[in-house]
Amino acid sequence: MRSLLPHPIPTSPTSSTICLITSDPSTPYTTLLTSPTFPTTLSTRITRTISLSNLKSKYTTFESRRKLFAEHDTFLADDRIVTYLPGILGKVFYKSGSKRPIPVSIAGERDRDEGGKRIKRDPADSLRAKENKEDHSRGVGMAAAVAKEIERALASALVHLAPGTSTAIKVGISNQPAEEVAANIDAVVNGLAERFISKGWRNIRAIHVKGPETLAFPVWLASELWVEDEDIKEVKPEFGAKKRAEKEKKKQKLLNGSVEAIEAAPVEGTKKRKADSTTKTDEDAALKHAKKKRKAEEKEKETAARKSRLKKQKEEILNEVS
């Protein structure tokens, strides 16, 4: 996924090279780059086009992938085949993420009518495309549209939404003005919060700014995620909960002294010792339960006080923000 930056990360238009990974075959896309309607400032930067089949056959070893990685500054990939690339390029490209292929839409999309059906192309457009060396027979987009899509991809930040709870996004370089980097961070975070994070800013734990060789500097820290009461689901009773509830009732009755005393006959020997042992065990269980109940009450009081304190903090922050 891409997120458009208000201040694109600056690159040298002459030294920055681009490798375009396409679907099979790559010939129509190579021809498209030589079209008169394709900007020369962009076509000179795209120094290589590789099809998916050539990528599989030629770059099988670790050394060959490292060489390809070092030869180009930016890698673009057809969005139709981008999901196949992690298995082909491996950790050389995907471990750090600095040169992870950026998906671009370079396929030719036909116009559709109000019903959603594709409109047939005008023969004059096909003739004009042939004169301009543009081949649209194999799903190749118009030169101007493809160039615009590539420029938009180069001016965006690549966002990889991993299954974990955090993600790293490149939003600037060290020699870029601080105001531009701050604007890029604001645009990326707000865009992601609106589209992918439930409750938006309320569920963002922390935001850090980090360089390649620097410590992570926190710019936003939340003491607790702002989970609403309606998001908390009631836990279903576990198996055997009814028996445990009955046991708890008996213990409570014993604790309150509502259980009738069992008068045992003064029997000598093992029976008397057994009765004494049973009484002692019940007393120990009652004391243990009373201790457990006292701890639970103390914990509930602490939780209530903590919730009250956090509620006041949230109200103060919301008042300051509004």
C-alpha atoms as a PDB file:
ATOM      1  CA  MET A   1       0.000   0.000   0.000  1.00  0.00           C
ATOM      2  CA  ARG A   2       1.145   3.571  -0.726  1.00  0.00           C
ATOM      3  CA  SER A   3       0.555   6.840   1.080  1.00  0.00           C
ATOM      4  CA  LEU A   4       1.066  10.090  -0.862  1.00  0.00           C
ATOM      5  CA  LEU A   5       3.537  12.495   0.737  1.00  0.00           C
ATOM      6  CA  PRO A   6       3.017  16.294   0.616  1.00  0.00           C
ATOM      7  CA  HIS A   7       6.823  16.658   0.319  1.00  0.00           C
ATOM      8  CA  PRO A   8       8.262  13.762  -1.738  1.00  0.00           C
ATOM      9  CA  ILE A   9      11.605  12.356  -0.620  1.00  0.00           C
ATOM     10  CA  PRO A  10      14.190  14.117  -2.819  1.00  0.00           C
ATOM     11  CA  THR A  11      16.282  12.024  -5.206  1.00  0.00           C
ATOM     12  CA  SER A  12      18.810  12.957  -7.862  1.00  0.00           C
ATOM     13  CA  PRO A  13      17.120  12.891 -11.304  1.00  0.00           C
ATOM     14  CA  THR A  14      20.373  11.786 -12.962  1.00  0.00           C
ATOM     15  CA  SER A  15      21.981   9.336 -10.531  1.00  0.00           C
ATOM     16  CA  SER A  16      18.798   7.703  -9.154  1.00  0.00           C
ATOM     17  CA  THR A  17      18.060   4.616 -11.266  1.00  0.00           C
ATOM     18  CA  ILE A  18      14.831   2.609 -11.441  1.00  0.00           C
ATOM     19  CA  CYS A  19      14.237  -1.061 -12.228  1.00  0.00           C
ATOM     20  CA  LEU A  20      10.729  -1.946 -13.455  1.00  0.00           C
ATOM     21  CA  ILE A  21       9.510  -5.519 -12.828  1.00  0.00           C
ATOM     22  CA  THR A  22       6.646  -6.401 -15.166  1.00  0.00           C
ATOM     23  CA  SER A  23       4.369  -9.287 -16.010  1.00  0.00           C
ATOM     24  CA  ASP A  24       5.226 -11.513 -18.986  1.00  0.00           C
ATOM     25  CA  PRO A  25       6.360 -10.478 -21.520  1.00  0.00           C
ATOM     26  CA  SER A  26       8.345  -7.310 -20.795  1.00  0.00           C
ATOM     27  CA  THR A  27       8.715  -6.234 -24.467  1.00  0.00           C
ATOM     28  CA  PRO A  28       5.498  -4.129 -24.631  1.00  0.00           C
ATOM     29  CA  TYR A  29       6.567  -2.205 -21.525  1.00  0.00           C
ATOM     30  CA  THR A  30      10.077  -1.612 -22.901  1.00  0.00           C
ATOM     31  CA  THR A  31       8.486  -0.288 -26.103  1.00  0.00           C
ATOM     32  CA  LEU A  32       6.200   1.948 -24.041  1.00  0.00           C
ATOM     33  CA  LEU A  33       9.216   3.708 -22.469  1.00  0.00           C
ATOM     34  CA  THR A  34      10.432   4.758 -25.949  1.00  0.00           C
ATOM     35  CA  SER A  35       7.055   6.292 -26.852  1.00  0.00           C
ATOM     36  CA  PRO A  36       7.158  10.034 -27.733  1.00  0.00           C
ATOM     37  CA  THR A  37       4.358  10.687 -25.214  1.00  0.00           C
ATOM     38  CA  PHE A  38       6.326   9.137 -22.346  1.00  0.00           C
ATOM     39  CA  PRO A  39       8.374  11.790 -20.443  1.00  0.00           C
ATOM     40  CA  THR A  40      12.080  11.486 -21.255  1.00  0.00           C
ATOM     41  CA  THR A  41      13.062  12.702 -17.779  1.00  0.00           C
ATOM     42  CA  LEU A  42      11.402   9.589 -16.376  1.00  0.00           C
ATOM     43  CA  SER A  43      12.313   7.090 -19.141  1.00  0.00           C
ATOM     44  CA  THR A  44      16.044   7.860 -18.768  1.00  0.00           C
ATOM     45  CA  ARG A  45      15.865   6.905 -15.078  1.00  0.00           C
ATOM     46  CA  ILE A  46      14.223   3.506 -15.812  1.00  0.00           C
ATOM     47  CA  THR A  47      17.391   1.690 -16.834  1.00  0.00           C
ATOM     48  CA  ARG A  48      16.004  -1.862 -16.820  1.00  0.00           C
ATOM     49  CA  THR A  49      12.733  -3.739 -17.286  1.00  0.00           C
ATOM     50  CA  ILE A  50      12.570  -7.359 -16.129  1.00  0.00           C
ATOM     51  CA  SER A  51       9.695  -9.764 -16.623  1.00  0.00           C
ATOM     52  CA  LEU A  52       8.598 -12.130 -13.876  1.00  0.00           C
ATOM     53  CA  SER A  53       9.813 -15.237 -15.752  1.00  0.00           C
ATOM     54  CA  ASN A  54      13.296 -13.730 -16.347  1.00  0.00           C
ATOM     55  CA  LEU A  55      13.493 -12.774 -12.692  1.00  0.00           C
ATOM     56  CA  LYS A  56      12.780 -16.373 -11.700  1.00  0.00           C
ATOM     57  CA  SER A  57      15.320 -17.893 -14.106  1.00  0.00           C
ATOM     58  CA  LYS A  58      18.249 -15.428 -13.929  1.00  0.00           C
ATOM     59  CA  TYR A  59      18.255 -14.399 -10.256  1.00  0.00           C
ATOM     60  CA  THR A  60      18.145 -17.711  -8.423  1.00  0.00           C
ATOM     61  CA  THR A  61      21.305 -17.346  -6.324  1.00  0.00           C
ATOM     62  CA  PHE A  62      21.842 -15.097  -3.332  1.00  0.00           C
ATOM     63  CA  GLU A  63      24.806 -13.346  -5.019  1.00  0.00           C
ATOM     64  CA  SER A  64      22.828 -12.481  -8.154  1.00  0.00           C
ATOM     65  CA  ARG A  65      20.034 -10.955  -6.083  1.00  0.00           C
ATOM     66  CA  ARG A  66      22.514  -8.893  -4.077  1.00  0.00           C
ATOM     67  CA  LYS A  67      24.054  -7.628  -7.319  1.00  0.00           C
ATOM     68  CA  LEU A  68      20.626  -6.635  -8.664  1.00  0.00           C
ATOM     69  CA  PHE A  69      19.846  -4.965  -5.336  1.00  0.00           C
ATOM     70  CA  ALA A  70      23.026  -2.863  -5.535  1.00  0.00           C
ATOM     71  CA  GLU A  71      22.623  -1.851  -9.206  1.00  0.00           C
ATOM     72  CA  HIS A  72      19.405   0.174  -8.763  1.00  0.00           C
ATOM     73  CA  ASP A  73      18.138   2.736  -6.254  1.00  0.00           C
ATOM     74  CA  THR A  74      14.394   2.093  -6.662  1.00  0.00           C
ATOM     75  CA  PHE A  75      12.381  -0.945  -7.721  1.00  0.00           C
ATOM     76  CA  LEU A  76       8.860  -0.715  -9.165  1.00  0.00           C
ATOM     77  CA  ALA A  77       6.629  -3.729  -9.779  1.00  0.00           C
ATOM     78  CA  ASP A  78       3.386  -4.345 -11.633  1.00  0.00           C
ATOM     79  CA  ASP A  79       0.678  -4.551  -8.965  1.00  0.00           C
ATOM     80  CA  ARG A  80      -0.663  -7.744 -10.597  1.00  0.00           C
ATOM     81  CA  ILE A  81       2.519  -9.703  -9.764  1.00  0.00           C
ATOM     82  CA  VAL A  82       3.811  -7.930  -6.649  1.00  0.00           C
ATOM     83  CA  THR A  83       2.554 -10.701  -4.329  1.00  0.00           C
ATOM     84  CA  TYR A  84       4.854 -13.249  -6.058  1.00  0.00           C
ATOM     85  CA  LEU A  85       8.031 -11.232  -5.458  1.00  0.00           C
ATOM     86  CA  PRO A  86       8.767 -12.033  -1.753  1.00  0.00           C
ATOM     87  CA  GLY A  87       9.246 -15.698  -2.624  1.00  0.00           C
ATOM     88  CA  ILE A  88      11.461 -14.851  -5.634  1.00  0.00           C
ATOM     89  CA  LEU A  89      13.582 -11.964  -4.313  1.00  0.00           C
ATOM     90  CA  GLY A  90      13.849 -13.230  -0.747  1.00  0.00           C
ATOM     91  CA  LYS A  91      15.303 -11.506   2.310  1.00  0.00           C
ATOM     92  CA  VAL A  92      17.823  -9.502   0.246  1.00  0.00           C
ATOM     93  CA  PHE A  93      14.993  -7.150  -0.742  1.00  0.00           C
ATOM     94  CA  TYR A  94      12.487  -7.690   2.054  1.00  0.00           C
ATOM     95  CA  LYS A  95      14.606  -7.863   5.226  1.00  0.00           C
ATOM     96  CA  SER A  96      15.366  -4.138   5.550  1.00  0.00           C
ATOM     97  CA  GLY A  97      12.550  -2.776   3.355  1.00  0.00           C
ATOM     98  CA  SER A  98      14.695   0.111   2.020  1.00  0.00           C
ATOM     99  CA  LYS A  99      14.369  -1.114  -1.593  1.00  0.00           C
ATOM    100  CA  ARG A 100      11.221  -3.190  -1.368  1.00  0.00           C
ATOM    101  CA  PRO A 101       9.452  -3.125  -4.788  1.00  0.00           C
ATOM    102  CA  ILE A 102       6.753  -0.435  -4.935  1.00  0.00           C
ATOM    103  CA  PRO A 103       3.510  -1.600  -6.598  1.00  0.00           C
ATOM    104  CA  VAL A 104       2.341   0.450  -9.596  1.00  0.00           C
ATOM    105  CA  SER A 105      -0.678   0.042 -11.872  1.00  0.00           C
ATOM    106  CA  ILE A 106       0.680  -0.136 -15.434  1.00  0.00           C
ATOM    107  CA  ALA A 107      -2.122  -2.194 -16.970  1.00  0.00           C
ATOM    108  CA  GLY A 108      -4.380  -0.628 -19.571  1.00  0.00           C
ATOM    109  CA  GLU A 109      -7.876  -0.180 -18.198  1.00  0.00           C
ATOM    110  CA  ARG A 110     -10.711   0.357 -20.609  1.00  0.00           C
ATOM    111  CA  ASP A 111     -13.412   2.922 -19.918  1.00  0.00           C
ATOM    112  CA  ARG A 112     -16.693   1.583 -18.570  1.00  0.00           C
ATOM    113  CA  ASP A 113     -20.260   2.731 -19.048  1.00  0.00           C
ATOM    114  CA  GLU A 114     -22.825   3.412 -16.317  1.00  0.00           C
ATOM    115  CA  GLY A 115     -23.676  -0.300 -16.125  1.00  0.00           C
ATOM    116  CA  GLY A 116     -20.027  -1.246 -15.542  1.00  0.00           C
ATOM    117  CA  LYS A 117     -19.469  -2.801 -18.975  1.00  0.00           C
ATOM    118  CA  ARG A 118     -16.263  -2.082 -20.864  1.00  0.00           C
ATOM    119  CA  ILE A 119     -16.498   0.346 -23.780  1.00  0.00           C
ATOM    120  CA  LYS A 120     -14.892  -0.777 -27.027  1.00  0.00           C
ATOM    121  CA  ARG A 121     -11.882   1.258 -28.085  1.00  0.00           C
ATOM    122  CA  ASP A 122     -12.104   3.569 -31.043  1.00  0.00           C
ATOM    123  CA  PRO A 123     -10.016   2.241 -34.006  1.00  0.00           C
ATOM    124  CA  ALA A 124      -8.540   5.750 -34.346  1.00  0.00           C
ATOM    125  CA  ASP A 125      -7.098   5.456 -30.816  1.00  0.00           C
ATOM    126  CA  SER A 126      -5.516   2.110 -31.712  1.00  0.00           C
ATOM    127  CA  LEU A 127      -3.962   3.637 -34.844  1.00  0.00           C
ATOM    128  CA  ARG A 128      -2.665   6.607 -32.846  1.00  0.00           C
ATOM    129  CA  ALA A 129      -1.175   4.234 -30.242  1.00  0.00           C
ATOM    130  CA  LYS A 130       0.552   2.268 -33.013  1.00  0.00           C
ATOM    131  CA  GLU A 131       2.087   5.453 -34.452  1.00  0.00           C
ATOM    132  CA  ASN A 132       3.341   6.441 -30.982  1.00  0.00           C
ATOM    133  CA  LYS A 133       4.826   2.926 -30.461  1.00  0.00           C
ATOM    134  CA  GLU A 134       2.345   2.038 -27.739  1.00  0.00           C
ATOM    135  CA  ASP A 135       1.186  -1.572 -27.502  1.00  0.00           C
ATOM    136  CA  HIS A 136      -2.089  -2.063 -25.560  1.00  0.00           C
ATOM    137  CA  SER A 137      -2.866  -5.542 -26.822  1.00  0.00           C
ATOM    138  CA  ARG A 138      -1.331  -7.240 -23.764  1.00  0.00           C
ATOM    139  CA  GLY A 139      -2.761  -5.073 -20.993  1.00  0.00           C
ATOM    140  CA  VAL A 140      -0.328  -2.161 -21.217  1.00  0.00           C
ATOM    141  CA  GLY A 141      -1.592   1.249 -20.174  1.00  0.00           C
ATOM    142  CA  MET A 142      -1.374   4.495 -22.104  1.00  0.00           C
ATOM    143  CA  ALA A 143       2.052   6.159 -21.918  1.00  0.00           C
ATOM    144  CA  ALA A 144       0.823   9.331 -20.177  1.00  0.00           C
ATOM    145  CA  ALA A 145      -1.239   7.358 -17.639  1.00  0.00           C
ATOM    146  CA  VAL A 146       1.622   4.952 -16.841  1.00  0.00           C
ATOM    147  CA  ALA A 147       4.081   7.854 -16.431  1.00  0.00           C
ATOM    148  CA  LYS A 148       1.671   9.621 -14.077  1.00  0.00           C
ATOM    149  CA  GLU A 149       1.234   6.445 -12.020  1.00  0.00           C
ATOM    150  CA  ILE A 150       5.017   5.945 -11.737  1.00  0.00           C
ATOM    151  CA  GLU A 151       5.575   9.560 -10.683  1.00  0.00           C
ATOM    152  CA  ARG A 152       2.831   9.212  -8.078  1.00  0.00           C
ATOM    153  CA  ALA A 153       4.448   6.018  -6.738  1.00  0.00           C
ATOM    154  CA  LEU A 154       7.858   7.714  -6.472  1.00  0.00           C
ATOM    155  CA  ALA A 155       6.265  10.583  -4.510  1.00  0.00           C
ATOM    156  CA  SER A 156       4.617   8.222  -2.005  1.00  0.00           C
ATOM    157  CA  ALA A 157       5.657   6.362   1.127  1.00  0.00           C
ATOM    158  CA  LEU A 158       5.477   2.573   0.972  1.00  0.00           C
ATOM    159  CA  VAL A 159       3.410   1.160   3.851  1.00  0.00           C
ATOM    160  CA  HIS A 160       3.642  -2.543   4.668  1.00  0.00           C
ATOM    161  CA  LEU A 161       0.866  -3.526   7.083  1.00  0.00           C
ATOM    162  CA  ALA A 162       2.308  -6.539   8.887  1.00  0.00           C
ATOM    163  CA  PRO A 163       0.242  -8.813  11.173  1.00  0.00           C
ATOM    164  CA  GLY A 164       2.001  -7.314  14.217  1.00  0.00           C
ATOM    165  CA  THR A 165       1.107  -4.206  16.210  1.00  0.00           C
ATOM    166  CA  SER A 166       3.789  -1.893  14.766  1.00  0.00           C
ATOM    167  CA  THR A 167       5.130  -0.842  11.382  1.00  0.00           C
ATOM    168  CA  ALA A 168       8.032   1.261  10.038  1.00  0.00           C
ATOM    169  CA  ILE A 169       7.516   3.804   7.238  1.00  0.00           C
ATOM    170  CA  LYS A 170      10.132   5.893   5.425  1.00  0.00           C
ATOM    171  CA  VAL A 171       8.934   9.515   5.413  1.00  0.00           C
ATOM    172  CA  GLY A 172      12.099  11.526   4.702  1.00  0.00           C
ATOM    173  CA  ILE A 173      15.892  11.740   4.644  1.00  0.00           C
ATOM    174  CA  SER A 174      18.397  13.391   6.986  1.00  0.00           C
ATOM    175  CA  ASN A 175      19.146  16.438   4.799  1.00  0.00           C
ATOM    176  CA  GLN A 176      15.450  17.209   4.238  1.00  0.00           C
ATOM    177  CA  PRO A 177      14.038  20.253   6.124  1.00  0.00           C
ATOM    178  CA  ALA A 178      12.468  19.368   9.469  1.00  0.00           C
ATOM    179  CA  GLU A 179       9.189  21.117   8.508  1.00  0.00           C
ATOM    180  CA  GLU A 180       8.801  18.861   5.443  1.00  0.00           C
ATOM    181  CA  VAL A 181       9.507  15.692   7.437  1.00  0.00           C
ATOM    182  CA  ALA A 182       6.978  16.779  10.096  1.00  0.00           C
ATOM    183  CA  ALA A 183       4.356  17.399   7.387  1.00  0.00           C
ATOM    184  CA  ASN A 184       5.037  13.958   5.875  1.00  0.00           C
ATOM    185  CA  ILE A 185       4.686  12.267   9.284  1.00  0.00           C
ATOM    186  CA  ASP A 186       1.420  14.104   9.904  1.00  0.00           C
ATOM    187  CA  ALA A 187       0.000  13.103   6.498  1.00  0.00           C
ATOM    188  CA  VAL A 188       0.993   9.427   6.798  1.00  0.00           C
ATOM    189  CA  VAL A 189      -0.206   8.954  10.395  1.00  0.00           C
ATOM    190  CA  ASN A 190      -3.517  10.746   9.825  1.00  0.00           C
ATOM    191  CA  GLY A 191      -4.136   8.763   6.634  1.00  0.00           C
ATOM    192  CA  LEU A 192      -3.461   5.432   8.312  1.00  0.00           C
ATOM    193  CA  ALA A 193      -5.459   6.349  11.432  1.00  0.00           C
ATOM    194  CA  GLU A 194      -8.543   7.223   9.375  1.00  0.00           C
ATOM    195  CA  ARG A 195      -8.424   4.148   7.121  1.00  0.00           C
ATOM    196  CA  PHE A 196      -7.016   1.244   9.131  1.00  0.00           C
ATOM    197  CA  ILE A 197      -7.094   1.966  12.899  1.00  0.00           C
ATOM    198  CA  SER A 198     -10.316   1.503  14.843  1.00  0.00           C
ATOM    199  CA  LYS A 199     -11.140   4.672  16.862  1.00  0.00           C
ATOM    200  CA  GLY A 200      -8.317   6.499  15.030  1.00  0.00           C
ATOM    201  CA  TRP A 201      -5.915   8.353  17.309  1.00  0.00           C
ATOM    202  CA  ARG A 202      -7.561   6.869  20.390  1.00  0.00           C
ATOM    203  CA  ASN A 203      -5.990   3.460  19.607  1.00  0.00           C
ATOM    204  CA  ILE A 204      -2.464   4.592  18.661  1.00  0.00           C
ATOM    205  CA  ARG A 205      -0.073   3.552  21.404  1.00  0.00           C
ATOM    206  CA  ALA A 206       3.078   5.403  20.305  1.00  0.00           C
ATOM    207  CA  ILE A 207       4.816   7.154  17.395  1.00  0.00           C
ATOM    208  CA  HIS A 208       8.614   7.288  17.153  1.00  0.00           C
ATOM    209  CA  VAL A 209      10.997   9.015  14.735  1.00  0.00           C
ATOM    210  CA  LYS A 210      14.164   7.016  14.029  1.00  0.00           C
ATOM    211  CA  GLY A 211      17.151   7.332  11.721  1.00  0.00           C
ATOM    212  CA  PRO A 212      19.266   4.473  10.308  1.00  0.00           C
ATOM    213  CA  GLU A 213      21.790   4.750  13.159  1.00  0.00           C
ATOM    214  CA  THR A 214      19.893   6.678  15.834  1.00  0.00           C
ATOM    215  CA  LEU A 215      17.699   5.813  18.784  1.00  0.00           C
ATOM    216  CA  ALA A 216      13.929   6.012  18.416  1.00  0.00           C
ATOM    217  CA  PHE A 217      12.693   9.443  19.549  1.00  0.00           C
ATOM    218  CA  PRO A 218       9.081   9.359  20.844  1.00  0.00           C
ATOM    219  CA  VAL A 219       6.762  12.078  19.527  1.00  0.00           C
ATOM    220  CA  TRP A 220       3.501  10.524  20.802  1.00  0.00           C
ATOM    221  CA  LEU A 221       2.974   8.238  23.795  1.00  0.00           C
ATOM    222  CA  ALA A 222      -0.360   7.085  25.216  1.00  0.00           C
ATOM    223  CA  SER A 223      -0.552   5.824  28.796  1.00  0.00           C
ATOM    224  CA  GLU A 224      -3.395   3.487  27.868  1.00  0.00           C
ATOM    225  CA  LEU A 225      -5.339   2.568  24.737  1.00  0.00           C
ATOM    226  CA  TRP A 226      -8.649   4.400  24.653  1.00  0.00           C
ATOM    227  CA  VAL A 227     -10.910   1.377  24.556  1.00  0.00           C
ATOM    228  CA  GLU A 228     -14.594   2.189  25.007  1.00  0.00           C
ATOM    229  CA  ASP A 229     -16.851   0.221  27.353  1.00  0.00           C
ATOM    230  CA  GLU A 230     -19.019  -1.037  24.481  1.00  0.00           C
ATOM    231  CA  ASP A 231     -15.961  -2.747  22.925  1.00  0.00           C
ATOM    232  CA  ILE A 232     -15.566  -5.031  25.962  1.00  0.00           C
ATOM    233  CA  LYS A 233     -17.360  -8.306  25.342  1.00  0.00           C
ATOM    234  CA  GLU A 234     -18.889 -10.354  28.106  1.00  0.00           C
ATOM    235  CA  VAL A 235     -16.994 -13.602  28.738  1.00  0.00           C
ATOM    236  CA  LYS A 236     -19.113 -16.718  28.460  1.00  0.00           C
ATOM    237  CA  PRO A 237     -19.193 -18.937  31.592  1.00  0.00           C
ATOM    238  CA  GLU A 238     -16.589 -21.668  31.474  1.00  0.00           C
ATOM    239  CA  PHE A 239     -17.274 -25.382  31.696  1.00  0.00           C
ATOM    240  CA  GLY A 240     -17.982 -26.378  35.302  1.00  0.00           C
ATOM    241  CA  ALA A 241     -18.810 -22.857  36.424  1.00  0.00           C
ATOM    242  CA  LYS A 242     -22.029 -24.029  38.097  1.00  0.00           C
ATOM    243  CA  LYS A 243     -20.174 -26.465  40.376  1.00  0.00           C
ATOM    244  CA  ARG A 244     -17.604 -23.835  41.286  1.00  0.00           C
ATOM    245  CA  ALA A 245     -20.408 -21.393  42.152  1.00  0.00           C
ATOM    246  CA  GLU A 246     -22.007 -23.957  44.488  1.00  0.00           C
ATOM    247  CA  LYS A 247     -18.644 -24.544  46.190  1.00  0.00           C
ATOM    248  CA  GLU A 248     -18.231 -20.811  46.626  1.00  0.00           C
ATOM    249  CA  LYS A 249     -21.675 -20.606  48.279  1.00  0.00           C
ATOM    250  CA  LYS A 250     -20.782 -23.315  50.762  1.00  0.00           C
ATOM    251  CA  LYS A 251     -17.526 -21.577  51.655  1.00  0.00           C
ATOM    252  CA  GLN A 252     -19.355 -18.292  52.140  1.00  0.00           C
ATOM    253  CA  LYS A 253     -21.870 -19.890  54.466  1.00  0.00           C
ATOM    254  CA  LEU A 254     -19.059 -21.463  56.464  1.00  0.00           C
ATOM    255  CA  LEU A 255     -17.294 -18.110  56.678  1.00  0.00           C
ATOM    256  CA  ASN A 256     -20.419 -16.301  57.950  1.00  0.00           C
ATOM    257  CA  GLY A 257     -21.028 -18.946  60.583  1.00  0.00           C
ATOM    258  CA  SER A 258     -24.356 -20.059  59.134  1.00  0.00           C
ATOM    259  CA  VAL A 259     -23.357 -23.705  58.871  1.00  0.00           C
ATOM    260  CA  GLU A 260     -24.691 -25.772  61.696  1.00  0.00           C
ATOM    261  CA  ALA A 261     -22.095 -27.397  63.900  1.00  0.00           C
ATOM    262  CA  ILE A 262     -21.849 -31.117  63.485  1.00  0.00           C
ATOM    263  CA  GLU A 263     -21.781 -32.809  66.829  1.00  0.00           C
ATOM    264  CA  ALA A 264     -19.674 -35.901  66.709  1.00  0.00           C
ATOM    265  CA  ALA A 265     -19.755 -38.632  69.395  1.00  0.00           C
ATOM    266  CA  PRO A 266     -16.608 -38.954  71.473  1.00  0.00           C
ATOM    267  CA  VAL A 267     -15.224 -41.906  69.598  1.00  0.00           C
ATOM    268  CA  GLU A 268     -11.742 -42.934  70.354  1.00  0.00           C
ATOM    269  CA  GLY A 269      -9.215 -43.944  67.771  1.00  0.00           C
ATOM    270  CA  THR A 270      -9.024 -43.165  64.060  1.00  0.00           C
ATOM    271  CA  LYS A 271     -12.630 -41.922  63.679  1.00  0.00           C
ATOM    272  CA  LYS A 272     -12.070 -39.091  66.167  1.00  0.00           C
ATOM    273  CA  ARG A 273      -8.774 -38.129  64.553  1.00  0.00           C
ATOM    274  CA  LYS A 274     -10.467 -38.139  61.159  1.00  0.00           C
ATOM    275  CA  ALA A 275     -13.251 -35.821  62.406  1.00  0.00           C
ATOM    276  CA  ASP A 276     -10.684 -33.436  63.918  1.00  0.00           C
ATOM    277  CA  SER A 277      -8.712 -33.453  60.663  1.00  0.00           C
ATOM    278  CA  THR A 278     -11.853 -32.667  58.616  1.00  0.00           C
ATOM    279  CA  THR A 279     -12.739 -29.738  60.918  1.00  0.00           C
ATOM    280  CA  LYS A 280      -9.221 -28.354  60.654  1.00  0.00           C
ATOM    281  CA  THR A 281      -9.269 -28.624  56.855  1.00  0.00           C
ATOM    282  CA  ASP A 282     -12.567 -26.725  56.667  1.00  0.00           C
ATOM    283  CA  GLU A 283     -11.177 -23.984  58.896  1.00  0.00           C
ATOM    284  CA  ASP A 284      -8.050 -23.649  56.716  1.00  0.00           C
ATOM    285  CA  ALA A 285     -10.208 -23.457  53.582  1.00  0.00           C
ATOM    286  CA  ALA A 286     -12.368 -20.744  55.185  1.00  0.00           C
ATOM    287  CA  LEU A 287      -9.297 -18.685  56.170  1.00  0.00           C
ATOM    288  CA  LYS A 288      -7.804 -19.084  52.697  1.00  0.00           C
ATOM    289  CA  HIS A 289     -11.070 -17.985  51.095  1.00  0.00           C
ATOM    290  CA  ALA A 290     -11.317 -14.952  53.395  1.00  0.00           C
ATOM    291  CA  LYS A 291      -7.757 -13.937  52.442  1.00  0.00           C
ATOM    292  CA  LYS A 292      -8.514 -14.377  48.762  1.00  0.00           C
ATOM    293  CA  LYS A 293     -11.706 -12.325  49.068  1.00  0.00           C
ATOM    294  CA  ARG A 294      -9.851  -9.511  50.860  1.00  0.00           C
ATOM    295  CA  LYS A 295      -7.219  -9.378  48.093  1.00  0.00           C
ATOM    296  CA  ALA A 296      -9.926  -9.277  45.411  1.00  0.00           C
ATOM    297  CA  GLU A 297     -11.656  -6.358  47.161  1.00  0.00           C
ATOM    298  CA  GLU A 298      -8.374  -4.445  47.424  1.00  0.00           C
ATOM    299  CA  LYS A 299      -7.672  -5.059  43.739  1.00  0.00           C
ATOM    300  CA  GLU A 300     -11.163  -3.824  42.777  1.00  0.00           C
ATOM    301  CA  LYS A 301     -10.594  -0.614  44.757  1.00  0.00           C
ATOM    302  CA  GLU A 302      -7.225  -0.040  43.046  1.00  0.00           C
ATOM    303  CA  THR A 303      -8.770  -0.650  39.610  1.00  0.00           C
ATOM    304  CA  ALA A 304     -11.641   1.744  40.307  1.00  0.00           C
ATOM    305  CA  ALA A 305      -9.222   4.462  41.473  1.00  0.00           C
ATOM    306  CA  ARG A 306      -7.027   3.930  38.410  1.00  0.00           C
ATOM    307  CA  LYS A 307      -9.986   4.135  36.037  1.00  0.00           C
ATOM    308  CA  SER A 308     -11.178   7.320  37.703  1.00  0.00           C
ATOM    309  CA  ARG A 309      -7.708   8.877  37.406  1.00  0.00           C
ATOM    310  CA  LEU A 310      -7.380   7.899  33.734  1.00  0.00           C
ATOM    311  CA  LYS A 311     -10.863   9.228  32.999  1.00  0.00           C
ATOM    312  CA  LYS A 312      -9.892  12.624  34.400  1.00  0.00           C
ATOM    313  CA  GLN A 313      -6.679  12.624  32.335  1.00  0.00           C
ATOM    314  CA  LYS A 314      -8.592  11.761  29.146  1.00  0.00           C
ATOM    315  CA  GLU A 315     -11.125  14.527  29.796  1.00  0.00           C
ATOM    316  CA  GLU A 316      -8.316  17.052  30.317  1.00  0.00           C
ATOM    317  CA  ILE A 317      -6.548  15.972  27.090  1.00  0.00           C
ATOM    318  CA  LEU A 318      -9.782  16.055  25.088  1.00  0.00           C
ATOM    319  CA  ASN A 319     -10.497  19.565  26.406  1.00  0.00           C
ATOM    320  CA  GLU A 320      -7.006  20.698  25.388  1.00  0.00           C
ATOM    321  CA  VAL A 321      -7.323  19.128  21.908  1.00  0.00           C
ATOM    322  CA  SER A 322     -10.794  20.609  21.294  1.00  0.00           C
END
